[in-house]
């Protein structure tokens, strides 16, 4: 065979190889576009977790609810405590807490760290009602974020000493001091309990 024919067949063979590689590459590209690539395929979007930041949670509107009085609150006792912030509402303008544990504080709650040990002693998901003379805005923000994220419903109530004393008497809570909270000296036995607490902008009802 002459040298010219050998060269022709070499060029022809290289061309066939190039066409086969191109066809395979095109096929894979189309399969990726159609979502058909199997083992070894990787969807980059699958690595992006879906989550809401605290800022996003605080921007959400409170969950819609009924303004009608729950049957379990008929005959409930009213105390002169109010929600610490409108953003804590989860039922129209009220906050409803079913089966909550109740913490009554003699002093203002200034940091979330003061409440964390108490949260840790509760059953998972159990609601917590906290009554105090005042709350730092950061405590309110954290309570709202946890409530709306479904982590734990937290009611924050404010009022005078006689109103807090009434809540303590109704629920069996033992009032605690700021020093108790800071020293992690609040036992579960000092927390009160209620069947249902409905707190609003004007008063709180305890059943």
C-alpha atoms as a PDB file:
ATOM      1  CA  UNK A   1       0.000   0.000   0.000  1.00  0.00           C
ATOM      2  CA  UNK A   2       1.347   3.381  -0.946  1.00  0.00           C
ATOM      3  CA  UNK A   3       2.196   6.020   1.629  1.00  0.00           C
ATOM      4  CA  UNK A   4      -0.639   8.270   0.361  1.00  0.00           C
ATOM      5  CA  UNK A   5      -3.258   5.567   1.003  1.00  0.00           C
ATOM      6  CA  UNK A   6      -1.874   4.918   4.481  1.00  0.00           C
ATOM      7  CA  UNK A   7      -2.158   8.602   5.270  1.00  0.00           C
ATOM      8  CA  UNK A   8      -5.730   8.656   3.982  1.00  0.00           C
ATOM      9  CA  UNK A   9      -6.816   5.791   6.259  1.00  0.00           C
ATOM     10  CA  UNK A  10      -5.097   7.349   9.271  1.00  0.00           C
ATOM     11  CA  UNK A  11      -6.921  10.637   8.722  1.00  0.00           C
ATOM     12  CA  UNK A  12     -10.192   8.773   8.188  1.00  0.00           C
ATOM     13  CA  UNK A  13      -9.750   6.813  11.434  1.00  0.00           C
ATOM     14  CA  UNK A  14      -8.985   9.939  13.452  1.00  0.00           C
ATOM     15  CA  UNK A  15     -12.075  11.605  11.989  1.00  0.00           C
ATOM     16  CA  UNK A  16     -14.305   8.667  12.977  1.00  0.00           C
ATOM     17  CA  UNK A  17     -12.960   8.751  16.535  1.00  0.00           C
ATOM     18  CA  UNK A  18     -13.639  12.483  16.792  1.00  0.00           C
ATOM     19  CA  UNK A  19     -17.218  12.009  15.550  1.00  0.00           C
ATOM     20  CA  UNK A  20     -17.894   9.226  18.061  1.00  0.00           C
ATOM     21  CA  UNK A  21     -16.542  11.303  20.979  1.00  0.00           C
ATOM     22  CA  UNK A  22     -18.597  14.315  19.892  1.00  0.00           C
ATOM     23  CA  UNK A  23     -21.764  12.211  19.628  1.00  0.00           C
ATOM     24  CA  UNK A  24     -21.274  10.767  23.109  1.00  0.00           C
ATOM     25  CA  UNK A  25     -20.627  14.204  24.594  1.00  0.00           C
ATOM     26  CA  UNK A  26     -23.775  15.579  22.947  1.00  0.00           C
ATOM     27  CA  UNK A  27     -25.828  12.663  24.267  1.00  0.00           C
ATOM     28  CA  UNK A  28     -24.614  13.203  27.829  1.00  0.00           C
ATOM     29  CA  UNK A  29     -25.324  16.927  27.602  1.00  0.00           C
ATOM     30  CA  UNK A  30     -28.887  16.231  26.506  1.00  0.00           C
ATOM     31  CA  UNK A  31     -29.378  13.664  29.292  1.00  0.00           C
ATOM     32  CA  UNK A  32     -28.159  16.143  31.920  1.00  0.00           C
ATOM     33  CA  UNK A  33     -30.534  18.737  30.536  1.00  0.00           C
ATOM     34  CA  UNK A  34     -33.391  16.244  30.796  1.00  0.00           C
ATOM     35  CA  UNK A  35     -32.405  15.237  34.341  1.00  0.00           C
ATOM     36  CA  UNK A  36     -31.602  11.642  33.335  1.00  0.00           C
ATOM     37  CA  UNK A  37     -27.993  11.246  34.441  1.00  0.00           C
ATOM     38  CA  UNK A  38     -27.871   8.405  36.959  1.00  0.00           C
ATOM     39  CA  UNK A  39     -25.041   7.291  39.231  1.00  0.00           C
ATOM     40  CA  UNK A  40     -22.592  10.075  39.856  1.00  0.00           C
ATOM     41  CA  UNK A  41     -25.086  12.788  38.886  1.00  0.00           C
ATOM     42  CA  UNK A  42     -25.128  15.744  41.257  1.00  0.00           C
ATOM     43  CA  UNK A  43     -27.744  18.441  41.666  1.00  0.00           C
ATOM     44  CA  UNK A  44     -26.032  21.523  43.058  1.00  0.00           C
ATOM     45  CA  UNK A  45     -29.333  22.911  44.302  1.00  0.00           C
ATOM     46  CA  UNK A  46     -29.769  19.883  46.565  1.00  0.00           C
ATOM     47  CA  UNK A  47     -26.927  21.118  48.791  1.00  0.00           C
ATOM     48  CA  UNK A  48     -28.662  24.410  49.596  1.00  0.00           C
ATOM     49  CA  UNK A  49     -30.623  24.037  52.858  1.00  0.00           C
ATOM     50  CA  UNK A  50     -33.922  25.808  53.278  1.00  0.00           C
ATOM     51  CA  UNK A  51     -34.043  27.809  56.490  1.00  0.00           C
ATOM     52  CA  UNK A  52     -35.392  31.071  57.820  1.00  0.00           C
ATOM     53  CA  UNK A  53     -33.245  33.574  59.656  1.00  0.00           C
ATOM     54  CA  UNK A  54     -34.477  35.286  62.792  1.00  0.00           C
ATOM     55  CA  UNK A  55     -34.967  38.503  60.799  1.00  0.00           C
ATOM     56  CA  UNK A  56     -37.210  36.675  58.326  1.00  0.00           C
ATOM     57  CA  UNK A  57     -39.183  35.075  61.142  1.00  0.00           C
ATOM     58  CA  UNK A  58     -39.757  38.426  62.816  1.00  0.00           C
ATOM     59  CA  UNK A  59     -40.997  39.934  59.535  1.00  0.00           C
ATOM     60  CA  UNK A  60     -43.682  37.306  59.102  1.00  0.00           C
ATOM     61  CA  UNK A  61     -47.197  38.187  60.113  1.00  0.00           C
ATOM     62  CA  UNK A  62     -48.538  36.399  63.178  1.00  0.00           C
ATOM     63  CA  UNK A  63     -50.408  33.214  62.405  1.00  0.00           C
ATOM     64  CA  UNK A  64     -54.048  33.869  61.620  1.00  0.00           C
ATOM     65  CA  UNK A  65     -56.479  32.719  64.263  1.00  0.00           C
ATOM     66  CA  UNK A  66     -60.009  32.995  65.486  1.00  0.00           C
ATOM     67  CA  UNK A  67     -61.043  35.855  67.723  1.00  0.00           C
ATOM     68  CA  UNK A  68     -63.777  33.730  69.319  1.00  0.00           C
ATOM     69  CA  UNK A  69     -63.344  32.600  72.908  1.00  0.00           C
ATOM     70  CA  UNK A  70     -62.163  28.970  73.190  1.00  0.00           C
ATOM     71  CA  UNK A  71     -64.612  26.767  75.070  1.00  0.00           C
ATOM     72  CA  UNK A  72     -61.907  25.866  77.586  1.00  0.00           C
ATOM     73  CA  UNK A  73     -61.592  29.535  78.592  1.00  0.00           C
ATOM     74  CA  UNK A  74     -65.218  29.965  79.612  1.00  0.00           C
ATOM     75  CA  UNK A  75     -65.175  30.645  83.325  1.00  0.00           C
ATOM     76  CA  UNK A  76     -61.410  31.357  83.307  1.00  0.00           C
ATOM     77  CA  UNK A  77     -59.880  33.821  85.767  1.00  0.00           C
ATOM     78  CA  UNK A  78     -58.718  37.183  84.415  1.00  0.00           C
ATOM     79  CA  UNK A  79     -55.494  38.782  85.666  1.00  0.00           C
ATOM     80  CA  UNK A  80     -54.101  42.224  84.868  1.00  0.00           C
ATOM     81  CA  UNK A  81     -51.154  41.010  82.790  1.00  0.00           C
ATOM     82  CA  UNK A  82     -50.659  41.855  79.117  1.00  0.00           C
ATOM     83  CA  UNK A  83     -48.505  40.592  76.247  1.00  0.00           C
ATOM     84  CA  UNK A  84     -45.071  42.172  76.258  1.00  0.00           C
ATOM     85  CA  UNK A  85     -45.313  42.799  72.492  1.00  0.00           C
ATOM     86  CA  UNK A  86     -47.957  42.517  69.778  1.00  0.00           C
ATOM     87  CA  UNK A  87     -45.602  40.306  67.753  1.00  0.00           C
ATOM     88  CA  UNK A  88     -46.059  37.540  70.345  1.00  0.00           C
ATOM     89  CA  UNK A  89     -49.695  37.034  69.330  1.00  0.00           C
ATOM     90  CA  UNK A  90     -50.561  33.762  67.600  1.00  0.00           C
ATOM     91  CA  UNK A  91     -54.370  33.963  67.588  1.00  0.00           C
ATOM     92  CA  UNK A  92     -55.677  37.261  66.262  1.00  0.00           C
ATOM     93  CA  UNK A  93     -54.399  39.764  68.885  1.00  0.00           C
ATOM     94  CA  UNK A  94     -53.860  37.123  71.570  1.00  0.00           C
ATOM     95  CA  UNK A  95     -51.302  34.504  72.457  1.00  0.00           C
ATOM     96  CA  UNK A  96     -52.800  31.119  73.308  1.00  0.00           C
ATOM     97  CA  UNK A  97     -50.663  28.623  75.209  1.00  0.00           C
ATOM     98  CA  UNK A  98     -51.967  25.117  75.872  1.00  0.00           C
ATOM     99  CA  UNK A  99     -50.645  23.245  78.907  1.00  0.00           C
ATOM    100  CA  UNK A 100     -47.877  25.787  79.622  1.00  0.00           C
ATOM    101  CA  UNK A 101     -45.413  25.830  82.494  1.00  0.00           C
ATOM    102  CA  UNK A 102     -45.394  29.203  84.213  1.00  0.00           C
ATOM    103  CA  UNK A 103     -42.398  31.214  85.406  1.00  0.00           C
ATOM    104  CA  UNK A 104     -43.124  34.275  87.550  1.00  0.00           C
ATOM    105  CA  UNK A 105     -40.262  36.758  87.968  1.00  0.00           C
ATOM    106  CA  UNK A 106     -39.927  39.502  90.578  1.00  0.00           C
ATOM    107  CA  UNK A 107     -37.477  41.408  88.382  1.00  0.00           C
ATOM    108  CA  UNK A 108     -37.069  42.307  84.720  1.00  0.00           C
ATOM    109  CA  UNK A 109     -35.616  39.653  82.394  1.00  0.00           C
ATOM    110  CA  UNK A 110     -32.629  41.285  80.728  1.00  0.00           C
ATOM    111  CA  UNK A 111     -31.023  38.496  78.677  1.00  0.00           C
ATOM    112  CA  UNK A 112     -32.087  35.273  76.986  1.00  0.00           C
ATOM    113  CA  UNK A 113     -29.372  33.425  78.933  1.00  0.00           C
ATOM    114  CA  UNK A 114     -31.467  33.875  82.073  1.00  0.00           C
ATOM    115  CA  UNK A 115     -34.264  31.765  80.548  1.00  0.00           C
ATOM    116  CA  UNK A 116     -32.227  29.113  78.727  1.00  0.00           C
ATOM    117  CA  UNK A 117     -31.720  26.856  81.798  1.00  0.00           C
ATOM    118  CA  UNK A 118     -35.476  26.937  82.459  1.00  0.00           C
ATOM    119  CA  UNK A 119     -36.225  25.999  78.832  1.00  0.00           C
ATOM    120  CA  UNK A 120     -33.828  23.095  79.144  1.00  0.00           C
ATOM    121  CA  UNK A 121     -35.830  21.625  82.028  1.00  0.00           C
ATOM    122  CA  UNK A 122     -39.111  21.524  80.104  1.00  0.00           C
ATOM    123  CA  UNK A 123     -40.493  18.723  77.987  1.00  0.00           C
ATOM    124  CA  UNK A 124     -39.659  19.112  74.264  1.00  0.00           C
ATOM    125  CA  UNK A 125     -42.079  21.537  72.659  1.00  0.00           C
ATOM    126  CA  UNK A 126     -43.842  22.410  75.932  1.00  0.00           C
ATOM    127  CA  UNK A 127     -45.078  26.001  76.078  1.00  0.00           C
ATOM    128  CA  UNK A 128     -43.595  28.436  78.572  1.00  0.00           C
ATOM    129  CA  UNK A 129     -45.335  31.483  80.035  1.00  0.00           C
ATOM    130  CA  UNK A 130     -43.092  34.061  81.692  1.00  0.00           C
ATOM    131  CA  UNK A 131     -44.449  36.992  83.705  1.00  0.00           C
ATOM    132  CA  UNK A 132     -42.115  39.824  84.700  1.00  0.00           C
ATOM    133  CA  UNK A 133     -42.100  43.604  85.210  1.00  0.00           C
ATOM    134  CA  UNK A 134     -40.328  44.047  81.851  1.00  0.00           C
ATOM    135  CA  UNK A 135     -38.307  42.244  79.163  1.00  0.00           C
ATOM    136  CA  UNK A 136     -35.290  43.342  77.172  1.00  0.00           C
ATOM    137  CA  UNK A 137     -36.156  43.651  73.431  1.00  0.00           C
ATOM    138  CA  UNK A 138     -33.669  40.870  72.619  1.00  0.00           C
ATOM    139  CA  UNK A 139     -35.626  38.499  74.878  1.00  0.00           C
ATOM    140  CA  UNK A 140     -38.859  39.405  73.092  1.00  0.00           C
ATOM    141  CA  UNK A 141     -37.260  38.880  69.661  1.00  0.00           C
ATOM    142  CA  UNK A 142     -35.963  35.446  70.653  1.00  0.00           C
ATOM    143  CA  UNK A 143     -39.338  34.416  72.069  1.00  0.00           C
ATOM    144  CA  UNK A 144     -41.102  35.506  68.871  1.00  0.00           C
ATOM    145  CA  UNK A 145     -38.594  33.687  66.650  1.00  0.00           C
ATOM    146  CA  UNK A 146     -38.868  30.433  68.625  1.00  0.00           C
ATOM    147  CA  UNK A 147     -42.660  30.597  68.714  1.00  0.00           C
ATOM    148  CA  UNK A 148     -43.024  31.224  64.980  1.00  0.00           C
ATOM    149  CA  UNK A 149     -40.418  28.638  64.054  1.00  0.00           C
ATOM    150  CA  UNK A 150     -42.340  26.042  66.048  1.00  0.00           C
ATOM    151  CA  UNK A 151     -39.411  25.372  68.383  1.00  0.00           C
ATOM    152  CA  UNK A 152     -41.270  26.356  71.554  1.00  0.00           C
ATOM    153  CA  UNK A 153     -44.242  28.619  72.196  1.00  0.00           C
ATOM    154  CA  UNK A 154     -43.163  31.353  74.609  1.00  0.00           C
ATOM    155  CA  UNK A 155     -45.569  33.841  76.181  1.00  0.00           C
ATOM    156  CA  UNK A 156     -44.071  36.940  77.744  1.00  0.00           C
ATOM    157  CA  UNK A 157     -46.415  38.820  80.069  1.00  0.00           C
ATOM    158  CA  UNK A 158     -45.881  42.133  81.822  1.00  0.00           C
ATOM    159  CA  UNK A 159     -47.697  43.650  84.772  1.00  0.00           C
ATOM    160  CA  UNK A 160     -47.538  44.952  88.299  1.00  0.00           C
ATOM    161  CA  UNK A 161     -46.467  42.876  91.288  1.00  0.00           C
ATOM    162  CA  UNK A 162     -50.043  42.158  92.428  1.00  0.00           C
ATOM    163  CA  UNK A 163     -50.963  40.806  88.972  1.00  0.00           C
ATOM    164  CA  UNK A 164     -47.893  38.560  88.890  1.00  0.00           C
ATOM    165  CA  UNK A 165     -48.739  37.353  92.386  1.00  0.00           C
ATOM    166  CA  UNK A 166     -52.248  36.480  91.192  1.00  0.00           C
ATOM    167  CA  UNK A 167     -50.818  34.424  88.313  1.00  0.00           C
ATOM    168  CA  UNK A 168     -48.475  32.644  90.721  1.00  0.00           C
ATOM    169  CA  UNK A 169     -51.369  31.805  93.053  1.00  0.00           C
ATOM    170  CA  UNK A 170     -53.540  30.531  90.188  1.00  0.00           C
ATOM    171  CA  UNK A 171     -50.858  28.309  88.678  1.00  0.00           C
ATOM    172  CA  UNK A 172     -48.871  27.226  91.746  1.00  0.00           C
ATOM    173  CA  UNK A 173     -45.705  29.056  90.646  1.00  0.00           C
ATOM    174  CA  UNK A 174     -43.095  30.312  93.102  1.00  0.00           C
ATOM    175  CA  UNK A 175     -41.863  33.833  92.181  1.00  0.00           C
ATOM    176  CA  UNK A 176     -38.121  33.943  91.491  1.00  0.00           C
ATOM    177  CA  UNK A 177     -35.616  36.775  91.609  1.00  0.00           C
ATOM    178  CA  UNK A 178     -33.138  38.051  89.048  1.00  0.00           C
ATOM    179  CA  UNK A 179     -30.359  36.487  91.108  1.00  0.00           C
ATOM    180  CA  UNK A 180     -32.124  33.104  90.917  1.00  0.00           C
ATOM    181  CA  UNK A 181     -32.228  33.296  87.113  1.00  0.00           C
ATOM    182  CA  UNK A 182     -28.601  34.376  86.816  1.00  0.00           C
ATOM    183  CA  UNK A 183     -27.451  31.613  89.156  1.00  0.00           C
ATOM    184  CA  UNK A 184     -29.487  28.909  87.358  1.00  0.00           C
ATOM    185  CA  UNK A 185     -31.264  28.294  90.650  1.00  0.00           C
ATOM    186  CA  UNK A 186     -34.808  27.825  89.340  1.00  0.00           C
ATOM    187  CA  UNK A 187     -36.112  24.299  89.884  1.00  0.00           C
ATOM    188  CA  UNK A 188     -38.952  22.732  87.911  1.00  0.00           C
ATOM    189  CA  UNK A 189     -40.948  22.589  91.150  1.00  0.00           C
ATOM    190  CA  UNK A 190     -40.963  26.405  91.192  1.00  0.00           C
ATOM    191  CA  UNK A 191     -42.733  26.549  87.844  1.00  0.00           C
ATOM    192  CA  UNK A 192     -46.489  26.779  87.782  1.00  0.00           C
ATOM    193  CA  UNK A 193     -48.861  25.028  85.391  1.00  0.00           C
ATOM    194  CA  UNK A 194     -52.094  25.918  83.635  1.00  0.00           C
ATOM    195  CA  UNK A 195     -54.478  24.156  81.279  1.00  0.00           C
ATOM    196  CA  UNK A 196     -54.685  27.187  78.980  1.00  0.00           C
ATOM    197  CA  UNK A 197     -53.478  30.781  79.119  1.00  0.00           C
ATOM    198  CA  UNK A 198     -54.813  33.414  76.730  1.00  0.00           C
ATOM    199  CA  UNK A 199     -52.848  36.654  76.853  1.00  0.00           C
ATOM    200  CA  UNK A 200     -53.849  39.790  75.002  1.00  0.00           C
ATOM    201  CA  UNK A 201     -53.155  43.516  74.864  1.00  0.00           C
ATOM    202  CA  UNK A 202     -55.589  44.253  77.718  1.00  0.00           C
ATOM    203  CA  UNK A 203     -55.585  41.264  80.079  1.00  0.00           C
ATOM    204  CA  UNK A 204     -54.739  37.583  80.497  1.00  0.00           C
ATOM    205  CA  UNK A 205     -57.129  34.717  81.135  1.00  0.00           C
ATOM    206  CA  UNK A 206     -56.029  31.611  83.016  1.00  0.00           C
ATOM    207  CA  UNK A 207     -57.834  28.275  82.930  1.00  0.00           C
END
